[in-house]
Amino acid sequence: MALDFSPLTLQGEHVRLEPLSASHAADLALAVQDGELWRLWYTAVPTPQGMAAEIDRRLGLLERRSMMPFAVVLAQSGKAVGMTTYMNMDEVNCRVEIGSTWYARSVQRTSLNTEAKRMLLAHAFENWHCIAVEFRTHWHNRQSRKAIERLGAKLDGVLRNHQIQPQGQLRDTCVYSIIASEWPAVRANLDHQLALPR
């Protein structure tokens, strides 16, 4: 099955991933202030003032069929607390990257990320029949690297001097992936993690 760019909502017990829209801007501007996430030098998170422009940028990439952006919404409150995407969507080779993700500090290290990634991975492997799902992060973003490794992704390698950051630093990018044959074991592990008491 080819990658499908139709609007997609993924509903879990704790979190809902819904198509990103301008209506999420106010919630997301508040969420990003929880931890002042834009101050982290090794990642690109929008400022509260830049949230509307970031939403517009992501929606522009959706129009060009290279990204499918989501608002990460708490199922109980209906409040948006972050963003995530399918990106670098390769229709020919049926591969996607899950990335450009950030969450309010108060929901980090909760079941939210595990459940969100579990839903995104399941859709990619089970509905789109992807051959691989990729994750990329900065070498210095140890929190993100640990979270990706907890999902069951394997390190493919490090792209050294891969990008020039807005502040001028050079970024070494860690590339991880989960391939289709690994998905059943990864799914079982994520289901086990989600069943543990919190």
N, C-alpha and C. Protein backbone atom coordinates (compact mmCIF):
# COMPACT_ATOMS: atom_id res chain seq x y z
N MET A 1 0.84 -1.19 0.00
CA MET A 1 0.00 0.00 0.00
C MET A 1 0.89 1.24 0.00
N ALA A 2 0.52 2.22 -0.78
CA ALA A 2 1.28 3.48 -0.84
C ALA A 2 1.01 4.31 0.40
N LEU A 3 1.94 5.22 0.70
CA LEU A 3 1.72 6.16 1.80
C LEU A 3 0.51 7.01 1.48
N ASP A 4 -0.34 7.22 2.45
CA ASP A 4 -1.59 7.93 2.26
C ASP A 4 -1.53 9.25 3.01
N PHE A 5 -1.75 10.35 2.32
CA PHE A 5 -1.67 11.67 2.93
C PHE A 5 -3.03 12.19 3.36
N SER A 6 -4.04 11.32 3.38
CA SER A 6 -5.37 11.74 3.86
C SER A 6 -5.29 12.09 5.34
N PRO A 7 -6.13 13.02 5.81
CA PRO A 7 -6.12 13.38 7.23
C PRO A 7 -6.27 12.13 8.11
N LEU A 8 -5.47 12.07 9.16
CA LEU A 8 -5.38 10.87 9.98
C LEU A 8 -5.39 11.26 11.45
N THR A 9 -6.27 10.62 12.22
CA THR A 9 -6.29 10.77 13.67
C THR A 9 -6.02 9.40 14.29
N LEU A 10 -5.09 9.36 15.25
CA LEU A 10 -4.76 8.13 15.95
C LEU A 10 -5.14 8.31 17.42
N GLN A 11 -6.02 7.45 17.92
CA GLN A 11 -6.56 7.60 19.27
C GLN A 11 -6.03 6.50 20.18
N GLY A 12 -5.45 6.90 21.30
CA GLY A 12 -5.00 5.97 22.30
C GLY A 12 -5.71 6.21 23.62
N GLU A 13 -5.28 5.49 24.65
CA GLU A 13 -5.90 5.65 25.96
C GLU A 13 -5.53 6.99 26.59
N HIS A 14 -4.26 7.40 26.43
CA HIS A 14 -3.75 8.60 27.09
C HIS A 14 -3.60 9.78 26.14
N VAL A 15 -3.43 9.51 24.87
CA VAL A 15 -3.08 10.57 23.92
C VAL A 15 -3.81 10.36 22.61
N ARG A 16 -4.09 11.49 21.96
CA ARG A 16 -4.66 11.47 20.61
C ARG A 16 -3.74 12.27 19.70
N LEU A 17 -3.42 11.69 18.56
CA LEU A 17 -2.65 12.41 17.55
C LEU A 17 -3.65 12.84 16.48
N GLU A 18 -3.80 14.14 16.32
CA GLU A 18 -4.77 14.65 15.36
C GLU A 18 -4.08 15.59 14.39
N PRO A 19 -4.64 15.75 13.18
CA PRO A 19 -3.99 16.60 12.19
C PRO A 19 -3.73 17.99 12.76
N LEU A 20 -2.50 18.45 12.63
CA LEU A 20 -2.11 19.77 13.12
C LEU A 20 -2.87 20.84 12.36
N SER A 21 -3.34 21.85 13.09
CA SER A 21 -4.02 22.98 12.44
C SER A 21 -3.74 24.26 13.22
N ALA A 22 -4.10 25.38 12.63
CA ALA A 22 -3.92 26.68 13.28
C ALA A 22 -4.68 26.74 14.60
N SER A 23 -5.72 25.95 14.76
CA SER A 23 -6.51 25.98 15.99
C SER A 23 -5.72 25.47 17.20
N HIS A 24 -4.60 24.78 16.97
CA HIS A 24 -3.77 24.28 18.07
C HIS A 24 -2.76 25.32 18.57
N ALA A 25 -2.66 26.44 17.90
CA ALA A 25 -1.57 27.39 18.19
C ALA A 25 -1.56 27.86 19.64
N ALA A 26 -2.70 28.22 20.20
CA ALA A 26 -2.73 28.76 21.56
C ALA A 26 -2.29 27.71 22.57
N ASP A 27 -2.84 26.49 22.48
CA ASP A 27 -2.41 25.42 23.38
C ASP A 27 -0.92 25.15 23.27
N LEU A 28 -0.42 25.09 22.04
CA LEU A 28 0.99 24.76 21.83
C LEU A 28 1.91 25.87 22.31
N ALA A 29 1.48 27.12 22.16
CA ALA A 29 2.29 28.23 22.68
C ALA A 29 2.42 28.15 24.19
N LEU A 30 1.37 27.70 24.87
CA LEU A 30 1.45 27.48 26.32
C LEU A 30 2.31 26.26 26.64
N ALA A 31 2.12 25.18 25.87
CA ALA A 31 2.85 23.93 26.14
C ALA A 31 4.35 24.12 26.03
N VAL A 32 4.80 24.88 25.05
CA VAL A 32 6.24 25.04 24.83
C VAL A 32 6.90 25.85 25.95
N GLN A 33 6.08 26.63 26.68
CA GLN A 33 6.62 27.39 27.81
C GLN A 33 6.88 26.50 29.03
N ASP A 34 6.24 25.32 29.04
CA ASP A 34 6.44 24.35 30.11
C ASP A 34 7.81 23.69 29.91
N GLY A 35 8.82 24.29 30.48
CA GLY A 35 10.19 23.82 30.33
C GLY A 35 11.03 24.71 29.42
N GLU A 36 10.42 25.78 28.87
CA GLU A 36 11.13 26.70 27.97
C GLU A 36 11.95 25.91 26.95
N LEU A 37 11.25 25.04 26.23
CA LEU A 37 11.91 24.06 25.37
C LEU A 37 12.71 24.67 24.24
N TRP A 38 12.36 25.85 23.79
CA TRP A 38 13.08 26.49 22.68
C TRP A 38 14.49 26.89 23.08
N ARG A 39 14.82 26.87 24.37
CA ARG A 39 16.16 27.23 24.84
C ARG A 39 17.17 26.09 24.72
N LEU A 40 16.70 24.88 24.43
CA LEU A 40 17.62 23.74 24.28
C LEU A 40 18.43 23.93 23.00
N TRP A 41 19.73 24.03 23.12
CA TRP A 41 20.57 24.41 21.98
C TRP A 41 20.68 23.32 20.93
N TYR A 42 20.45 22.04 21.31
CA TYR A 42 20.70 20.92 20.41
C TYR A 42 19.45 20.44 19.69
N THR A 43 18.35 21.17 19.80
CA THR A 43 17.14 20.78 19.09
C THR A 43 16.41 22.03 18.62
N ALA A 44 15.50 21.87 17.68
CA ALA A 44 14.76 23.00 17.12
C ALA A 44 13.31 22.92 17.57
N VAL A 45 12.98 23.73 18.57
CA VAL A 45 11.61 23.81 19.08
C VAL A 45 11.17 25.26 18.95
N PRO A 46 9.96 25.50 18.46
CA PRO A 46 9.52 26.88 18.24
C PRO A 46 9.34 27.64 19.55
N THR A 47 9.52 28.95 19.48
CA THR A 47 9.21 29.82 20.61
C THR A 47 7.70 30.00 20.68
N PRO A 48 7.17 30.48 21.82
CA PRO A 48 5.73 30.75 21.87
C PRO A 48 5.29 31.72 20.76
N GLN A 49 6.12 32.74 20.52
CA GLN A 49 5.78 33.74 19.50
C GLN A 49 5.89 33.17 18.09
N GLY A 50 6.71 32.14 17.92
CA GLY A 50 6.91 31.56 16.60
C GLY A 50 6.03 30.35 16.30
N MET A 51 5.09 30.04 17.21
CA MET A 51 4.30 28.82 17.05
C MET A 51 3.44 28.83 15.80
N ALA A 52 2.75 29.94 15.54
CA ALA A 52 1.88 30.01 14.36
C ALA A 52 2.69 29.83 13.08
N ALA A 53 3.87 30.43 13.02
CA ALA A 53 4.72 30.29 11.84
C ALA A 53 5.20 28.84 11.68
N GLU A 54 5.50 28.16 12.79
CA GLU A 54 5.93 26.76 12.72
C GLU A 54 4.79 25.86 12.24
N ILE A 55 3.58 26.14 12.71
CA ILE A 55 2.42 25.37 12.23
C ILE A 55 2.27 25.58 10.73
N ASP A 56 2.38 26.83 10.27
CA ASP A 56 2.28 27.12 8.83
C ASP A 56 3.37 26.40 8.04
N ARG A 57 4.59 26.37 8.58
CA ARG A 57 5.70 25.69 7.89
C ARG A 57 5.39 24.20 7.73
N ARG A 58 4.94 23.57 8.80
CA ARG A 58 4.64 22.15 8.74
C ARG A 58 3.47 21.86 7.80
N LEU A 59 2.47 22.72 7.79
CA LEU A 59 1.34 22.52 6.89
C LEU A 59 1.77 22.72 5.43
N GLY A 60 2.75 23.60 5.19
CA GLY A 60 3.31 23.75 3.85
C GLY A 60 4.00 22.49 3.38
N LEU A 61 4.72 21.82 4.29
CA LEU A 61 5.38 20.56 3.95
C LEU A 61 4.35 19.46 3.70
N LEU A 62 3.22 19.52 4.40
CA LEU A 62 2.13 18.57 4.14
C LEU A 62 1.61 18.75 2.70
N GLU A 63 1.44 20.00 2.29
CA GLU A 63 0.97 20.27 0.93
C GLU A 63 1.94 19.73 -0.11
N ARG A 64 3.24 19.73 0.22
CA ARG A 64 4.25 19.21 -0.71
C ARG A 64 4.48 17.71 -0.55
N ARG A 65 3.66 17.07 0.28
CA ARG A 65 3.69 15.62 0.47
C ARG A 65 5.03 15.10 1.00
N SER A 66 5.64 15.88 1.90
CA SER A 66 6.87 15.39 2.52
C SER A 66 6.74 15.24 4.03
N MET A 67 5.62 15.70 4.59
CA MET A 67 5.42 15.63 6.04
C MET A 67 3.93 15.48 6.32
N MET A 68 3.63 14.72 7.38
CA MET A 68 2.27 14.65 7.92
C MET A 68 2.36 15.06 9.39
N PRO A 69 2.01 16.31 9.70
CA PRO A 69 2.17 16.81 11.07
C PRO A 69 0.94 16.56 11.95
N PHE A 70 1.22 16.29 13.22
CA PHE A 70 0.17 16.04 14.21
C PHE A 70 0.33 16.97 15.40
N ALA A 71 -0.81 17.31 16.01
CA ALA A 71 -0.81 17.85 17.37
C ALA A 71 -0.95 16.67 18.31
N VAL A 72 -0.17 16.69 19.39
CA VAL A 72 -0.23 15.65 20.42
C VAL A 72 -1.16 16.18 21.51
N VAL A 73 -2.31 15.51 21.65
CA VAL A 73 -3.39 16.02 22.49
C VAL A 73 -3.65 15.03 23.63
N LEU A 74 -3.74 15.54 24.86
CA LEU A 74 -4.08 14.68 25.99
C LEU A 74 -5.52 14.22 25.83
N ALA A 75 -5.74 12.92 25.89
CA ALA A 75 -7.08 12.37 25.68
C ALA A 75 -8.06 12.88 26.72
N GLN A 76 -7.62 13.03 27.97
CA GLN A 76 -8.53 13.39 29.05
C GLN A 76 -8.94 14.86 28.99
N SER A 77 -7.98 15.76 28.76
CA SER A 77 -8.28 17.19 28.81
C SER A 77 -8.58 17.81 27.44
N GLY A 78 -8.11 17.16 26.37
CA GLY A 78 -8.28 17.74 25.05
C GLY A 78 -7.29 18.85 24.74
N LYS A 79 -6.29 19.04 25.60
CA LYS A 79 -5.28 20.09 25.40
C LYS A 79 -4.11 19.56 24.59
N ALA A 80 -3.66 20.34 23.62
CA ALA A 80 -2.46 19.99 22.85
C ALA A 80 -1.23 20.28 23.70
N VAL A 81 -0.33 19.28 23.79
CA VAL A 81 0.86 19.42 24.64
C VAL A 81 2.16 19.19 23.87
N GLY A 82 2.05 19.10 22.54
CA GLY A 82 3.26 18.91 21.74
C GLY A 82 2.92 18.66 20.29
N MET A 83 3.97 18.38 19.52
CA MET A 83 3.86 18.11 18.10
C MET A 83 4.68 16.87 17.76
N THR A 84 4.28 16.17 16.72
CA THR A 84 5.09 15.11 16.15
C THR A 84 4.72 14.99 14.67
N THR A 85 5.53 14.25 13.91
CA THR A 85 5.25 14.14 12.48
C THR A 85 5.72 12.80 11.93
N TYR A 86 5.10 12.42 10.81
CA TYR A 86 5.76 11.56 9.84
C TYR A 86 6.46 12.54 8.91
N MET A 87 7.73 12.33 8.61
CA MET A 87 8.46 13.25 7.74
C MET A 87 9.39 12.47 6.82
N ASN A 88 9.98 13.19 5.87
CA ASN A 88 10.83 12.55 4.87
C ASN A 88 10.12 11.32 4.32
N MET A 89 8.88 11.52 3.91
CA MET A 89 8.01 10.42 3.48
C MET A 89 8.41 9.99 2.08
N ASP A 90 8.95 8.79 1.98
CA ASP A 90 9.48 8.24 0.73
C ASP A 90 8.47 7.24 0.17
N GLU A 91 7.63 7.73 -0.74
CA GLU A 91 6.57 6.89 -1.29
C GLU A 91 7.12 5.76 -2.16
N VAL A 92 8.22 6.01 -2.86
CA VAL A 92 8.78 5.00 -3.75
C VAL A 92 9.28 3.80 -2.95
N ASN A 93 10.02 4.07 -1.87
CA ASN A 93 10.62 3.00 -1.08
C ASN A 93 9.81 2.63 0.16
N CYS A 94 8.68 3.31 0.35
CA CYS A 94 7.79 3.03 1.48
C CYS A 94 8.55 3.06 2.81
N ARG A 95 9.20 4.20 3.03
CA ARG A 95 9.91 4.47 4.28
C ARG A 95 9.45 5.81 4.81
N VAL A 96 9.41 5.96 6.12
CA VAL A 96 9.10 7.25 6.73
C VAL A 96 10.04 7.46 7.91
N GLU A 97 10.14 8.71 8.30
CA GLU A 97 10.83 9.07 9.53
C GLU A 97 9.78 9.62 10.49
N ILE A 98 9.89 9.27 11.75
CA ILE A 98 9.08 9.90 12.80
C ILE A 98 9.99 10.89 13.48
N GLY A 99 9.58 12.16 13.47
CA GLY A 99 10.47 13.17 14.04
C GLY A 99 9.82 14.53 14.19
N SER A 100 10.68 15.55 14.37
CA SER A 100 10.24 16.91 14.67
C SER A 100 9.23 16.87 15.82
N THR A 101 9.60 16.11 16.85
CA THR A 101 8.72 15.87 18.00
C THR A 101 9.19 16.68 19.19
N TRP A 102 8.25 17.29 19.86
CA TRP A 102 8.53 17.90 21.17
C TRP A 102 7.28 17.80 22.03
N TYR A 103 7.50 17.73 23.35
CA TYR A 103 6.40 17.65 24.32
C TYR A 103 6.67 18.63 25.46
N ALA A 104 5.60 19.16 26.04
CA ALA A 104 5.72 19.96 27.26
C ALA A 104 6.48 19.17 28.32
N ARG A 105 7.29 19.84 29.10
CA ARG A 105 8.12 19.17 30.11
C ARG A 105 7.29 18.29 31.04
N SER A 106 6.10 18.74 31.43
CA SER A 106 5.29 18.01 32.41
C SER A 106 4.80 16.66 31.91
N VAL A 107 4.78 16.43 30.60
CA VAL A 107 4.33 15.13 30.08
C VAL A 107 5.49 14.27 29.58
N GLN A 108 6.71 14.79 29.65
CA GLN A 108 7.86 13.99 29.28
C GLN A 108 8.06 12.89 30.32
N ARG A 109 8.58 11.74 29.87
CA ARG A 109 8.83 10.59 30.73
C ARG A 109 7.54 10.03 31.34
N THR A 110 6.46 10.18 30.61
CA THR A 110 5.19 9.54 30.98
C THR A 110 4.87 8.53 29.88
N SER A 111 3.72 7.90 29.99
CA SER A 111 3.32 6.94 28.97
C SER A 111 2.95 7.61 27.65
N LEU A 112 2.85 8.93 27.63
CA LEU A 112 2.43 9.65 26.43
C LEU A 112 3.33 9.34 25.23
N ASN A 113 4.64 9.46 25.38
CA ASN A 113 5.54 9.23 24.25
C ASN A 113 5.49 7.77 23.77
N THR A 114 5.48 6.84 24.72
CA THR A 114 5.43 5.43 24.35
C THR A 114 4.17 5.13 23.54
N GLU A 115 3.02 5.64 24.02
CA GLU A 115 1.78 5.37 23.32
C GLU A 115 1.73 6.07 21.96
N ALA A 116 2.21 7.31 21.90
CA ALA A 116 2.21 8.03 20.62
C ALA A 116 3.08 7.32 19.59
N LYS A 117 4.27 6.90 20.00
CA LYS A 117 5.17 6.22 19.07
C LYS A 117 4.60 4.84 18.68
N ARG A 118 3.97 4.17 19.62
CA ARG A 118 3.39 2.87 19.32
C ARG A 118 2.32 3.02 18.23
N MET A 119 1.49 4.05 18.33
CA MET A 119 0.43 4.27 17.33
C MET A 119 1.03 4.64 15.97
N LEU A 120 2.04 5.51 15.98
CA LEU A 120 2.67 5.92 14.72
C LEU A 120 3.36 4.74 14.04
N LEU A 121 4.07 3.95 14.83
CA LEU A 121 4.75 2.78 14.27
C LEU A 121 3.75 1.77 13.73
N ALA A 122 2.69 1.50 14.49
CA ALA A 122 1.68 0.54 14.04
C ALA A 122 1.06 0.97 12.72
N HIS A 123 0.74 2.25 12.60
CA HIS A 123 0.13 2.71 11.35
C HIS A 123 1.11 2.56 10.18
N ALA A 124 2.37 2.93 10.43
CA ALA A 124 3.37 2.84 9.35
C ALA A 124 3.59 1.41 8.89
N PHE A 125 3.72 0.49 9.83
CA PHE A 125 4.01 -0.90 9.46
C PHE A 125 2.76 -1.69 9.06
N GLU A 126 1.64 -1.45 9.73
CA GLU A 126 0.47 -2.30 9.52
C GLU A 126 -0.50 -1.77 8.47
N ASN A 127 -0.54 -0.44 8.30
CA ASN A 127 -1.44 0.14 7.30
C ASN A 127 -0.72 0.51 6.01
N TRP A 128 0.45 1.11 6.16
CA TRP A 128 1.22 1.53 4.97
C TRP A 128 2.20 0.45 4.52
N HIS A 129 2.44 -0.55 5.35
CA HIS A 129 3.38 -1.64 5.04
C HIS A 129 4.78 -1.11 4.73
N CYS A 130 5.22 -0.16 5.56
CA CYS A 130 6.57 0.40 5.40
C CYS A 130 7.61 -0.70 5.61
N ILE A 131 8.72 -0.54 4.90
CA ILE A 131 9.83 -1.48 5.07
C ILE A 131 10.74 -1.05 6.23
N ALA A 132 10.68 0.24 6.57
CA ALA A 132 11.49 0.75 7.68
C ALA A 132 10.92 2.08 8.15
N VAL A 133 11.10 2.35 9.45
CA VAL A 133 10.76 3.64 10.04
C VAL A 133 12.03 4.15 10.71
N GLU A 134 12.34 5.39 10.42
CA GLU A 134 13.61 5.99 10.86
C GLU A 134 13.37 7.04 11.93
N PHE A 135 14.36 7.24 12.77
CA PHE A 135 14.38 8.32 13.78
C PHE A 135 15.75 8.98 13.69
N ARG A 136 15.78 10.30 13.81
CA ARG A 136 17.06 11.02 13.80
C ARG A 136 17.07 12.00 14.96
N THR A 137 18.24 12.17 15.55
CA THR A 137 18.38 13.15 16.62
C THR A 137 19.83 13.60 16.73
N HIS A 138 20.02 14.71 17.39
CA HIS A 138 21.36 15.27 17.61
C HIS A 138 22.16 14.36 18.53
N TRP A 139 23.43 14.20 18.23
CA TRP A 139 24.34 13.39 19.06
C TRP A 139 24.25 13.81 20.53
N HIS A 140 24.12 15.10 20.80
CA HIS A 140 24.11 15.61 22.18
C HIS A 140 22.74 15.53 22.85
N ASN A 141 21.71 15.14 22.11
CA ASN A 141 20.38 15.04 22.69
C ASN A 141 20.22 13.66 23.33
N ARG A 142 20.87 13.48 24.47
CA ARG A 142 20.91 12.17 25.12
C ARG A 142 19.52 11.71 25.56
N GLN A 143 18.67 12.64 25.98
CA GLN A 143 17.31 12.26 26.39
C GLN A 143 16.55 11.66 25.22
N SER A 144 16.66 12.28 24.06
CA SER A 144 15.98 11.77 22.86
C SER A 144 16.58 10.44 22.43
N ARG A 145 17.91 10.32 22.48
CA ARG A 145 18.55 9.06 22.08
C ARG A 145 18.10 7.91 22.97
N LYS A 146 18.02 8.14 24.27
CA LYS A 146 17.57 7.09 25.19
C LYS A 146 16.12 6.71 24.92
N ALA A 147 15.29 7.71 24.65
CA ALA A 147 13.87 7.44 24.36
C ALA A 147 13.72 6.62 23.09
N ILE A 148 14.51 6.95 22.07
CA ILE A 148 14.46 6.20 20.80
C ILE A 148 14.93 4.76 21.03
N GLU A 149 15.99 4.60 21.79
CA GLU A 149 16.51 3.26 22.07
C GLU A 149 15.52 2.44 22.89
N ARG A 150 14.78 3.09 23.82
CA ARG A 150 13.77 2.37 24.61
C ARG A 150 12.64 1.85 23.72
N LEU A 151 12.40 2.51 22.60
CA LEU A 151 11.38 2.03 21.67
C LEU A 151 11.79 0.70 21.02
N GLY A 152 13.09 0.46 20.95
CA GLY A 152 13.59 -0.74 20.28
C GLY A 152 14.28 -0.43 18.97
N ALA A 153 14.46 0.85 18.65
CA ALA A 153 15.17 1.21 17.42
C ALA A 153 16.65 0.93 17.58
N LYS A 154 17.30 0.62 16.47
CA LYS A 154 18.74 0.33 16.47
C LYS A 154 19.49 1.46 15.78
N LEU A 155 20.68 1.75 16.28
CA LEU A 155 21.50 2.81 15.71
C LEU A 155 22.09 2.34 14.39
N ASP A 156 21.74 3.02 13.31
CA ASP A 156 22.30 2.72 11.99
C ASP A 156 23.67 3.36 11.83
N GLY A 157 23.85 4.52 12.45
CA GLY A 157 25.13 5.20 12.34
C GLY A 157 24.99 6.66 12.71
N VAL A 158 26.11 7.39 12.61
CA VAL A 158 26.15 8.80 12.94
C VAL A 158 26.63 9.56 11.71
N LEU A 159 25.83 10.53 11.27
CA LEU A 159 26.21 11.40 10.17
C LEU A 159 26.96 12.59 10.77
N ARG A 160 28.29 12.59 10.61
CA ARG A 160 29.11 13.61 11.24
C ARG A 160 29.11 14.88 10.41
N ASN A 161 29.06 16.04 11.12
CA ASN A 161 28.94 17.34 10.45
C ASN A 161 27.80 17.33 9.43
N HIS A 162 26.67 16.80 9.87
CA HIS A 162 25.54 16.58 8.99
C HIS A 162 24.81 17.87 8.64
N GLN A 163 24.70 18.79 9.63
CA GLN A 163 23.94 20.02 9.41
C GLN A 163 24.62 21.17 10.13
N ILE A 164 24.35 22.37 9.62
CA ILE A 164 24.77 23.59 10.31
C ILE A 164 23.55 24.12 11.06
N GLN A 165 23.66 24.21 12.38
CA GLN A 165 22.56 24.69 13.21
C GLN A 165 22.37 26.19 13.02
N PRO A 166 21.18 26.72 13.36
CA PRO A 166 20.94 28.16 13.21
C PRO A 166 21.97 29.03 13.94
N GLN A 167 22.49 28.54 15.08
CA GLN A 167 23.51 29.30 15.82
C GLN A 167 24.92 29.09 15.27
N GLY A 168 25.04 28.28 14.22
CA GLY A 168 26.33 28.08 13.58
C GLY A 168 27.06 26.80 13.98
N GLN A 169 26.59 26.09 15.03
CA GLN A 169 27.26 24.85 15.42
C GLN A 169 27.00 23.76 14.38
N LEU A 170 27.94 22.83 14.29
CA LEU A 170 27.77 21.69 13.41
C LEU A 170 27.08 20.56 14.16
N ARG A 171 26.10 19.96 13.52
CA ARG A 171 25.33 18.87 14.16
C ARG A 171 25.78 17.53 13.64
N ASP A 172 26.11 16.63 14.57
CA ASP A 172 26.27 15.21 14.26
C ASP A 172 24.91 14.56 14.50
N THR A 173 24.38 13.88 13.50
CA THR A 173 23.03 13.31 13.57
C THR A 173 23.10 11.81 13.76
N CYS A 174 22.46 11.31 14.82
CA CYS A 174 22.32 9.88 15.05
C CYS A 174 21.11 9.38 14.28
N VAL A 175 21.31 8.36 13.46
CA VAL A 175 20.24 7.78 12.65
C VAL A 175 19.90 6.40 13.21
N TYR A 176 18.64 6.23 13.59
CA TYR A 176 18.12 4.97 14.11
C TYR A 176 17.04 4.46 13.18
N SER A 177 16.76 3.17 13.25
CA SER A 177 15.62 2.65 12.50
C SER A 177 15.05 1.40 13.16
N ILE A 178 13.81 1.14 12.81
CA ILE A 178 13.14 -0.14 13.07
C ILE A 178 12.73 -0.65 11.71
N ILE A 179 13.06 -1.90 11.39
CA ILE A 179 12.68 -2.47 10.10
C ILE A 179 11.46 -3.38 10.29
N ALA A 180 10.80 -3.67 9.18
CA ALA A 180 9.51 -4.37 9.25
C ALA A 180 9.60 -5.69 9.99
N SER A 181 10.67 -6.46 9.79
CA SER A 181 10.79 -7.76 10.44
C SER A 181 10.95 -7.64 11.96
N GLU A 182 11.37 -6.47 12.45
CA GLU A 182 11.54 -6.25 13.88
C GLU A 182 10.26 -5.78 14.56
N TRP A 183 9.28 -5.32 13.76
CA TRP A 183 8.11 -4.70 14.32
C TRP A 183 7.34 -5.61 15.30
N PRO A 184 7.11 -6.90 15.05
CA PRO A 184 6.36 -7.69 16.03
C PRO A 184 7.00 -7.69 17.42
N ALA A 185 8.31 -7.81 17.51
CA ALA A 185 8.98 -7.80 18.81
C ALA A 185 8.94 -6.42 19.44
N VAL A 186 9.13 -5.38 18.62
CA VAL A 186 9.06 -4.00 19.14
C VAL A 186 7.65 -3.72 19.65
N ARG A 187 6.63 -4.14 18.91
CA ARG A 187 5.24 -3.93 19.32
C ARG A 187 4.97 -4.63 20.66
N ALA A 188 5.43 -5.86 20.80
CA ALA A 188 5.22 -6.60 22.06
C ALA A 188 5.89 -5.87 23.22
N ASN A 189 7.08 -5.34 22.99
CA ASN A 189 7.79 -4.62 24.05
C ASN A 189 7.07 -3.33 24.42
N LEU A 190 6.59 -2.60 23.42
CA LEU A 190 5.86 -1.36 23.73
C LEU A 190 4.57 -1.65 24.46
N ASP A 191 3.86 -2.70 24.07
CA ASP A 191 2.63 -3.08 24.77
C ASP A 191 2.94 -3.44 26.21
N HIS A 192 4.06 -4.14 26.43
CA HIS A 192 4.48 -4.50 27.79
C HIS A 192 4.76 -3.23 28.61
N GLN A 193 5.49 -2.28 28.01
CA GLN A 193 5.78 -1.03 28.72
C GLN A 193 4.51 -0.28 29.09
N LEU A 194 3.55 -0.25 28.15
CA LEU A 194 2.32 0.49 28.41
C LEU A 194 1.45 -0.18 29.48
N ALA A 195 1.60 -1.49 29.65
CA ALA A 195 0.82 -2.22 30.65
C ALA A 195 1.39 -2.09 32.06
N LEU A 196 2.64 -1.63 32.19
CA LEU A 196 3.25 -1.50 33.50
C LEU A 196 2.58 -0.41 34.29
N PRO A 197 2.43 -0.57 35.62
CA PRO A 197 1.84 0.51 36.44
C PRO A 197 2.74 1.73 36.43
N ARG A 198 2.13 2.89 36.41
CA ARG A 198 2.90 4.16 36.40
C ARG A 198 2.70 4.90 37.70
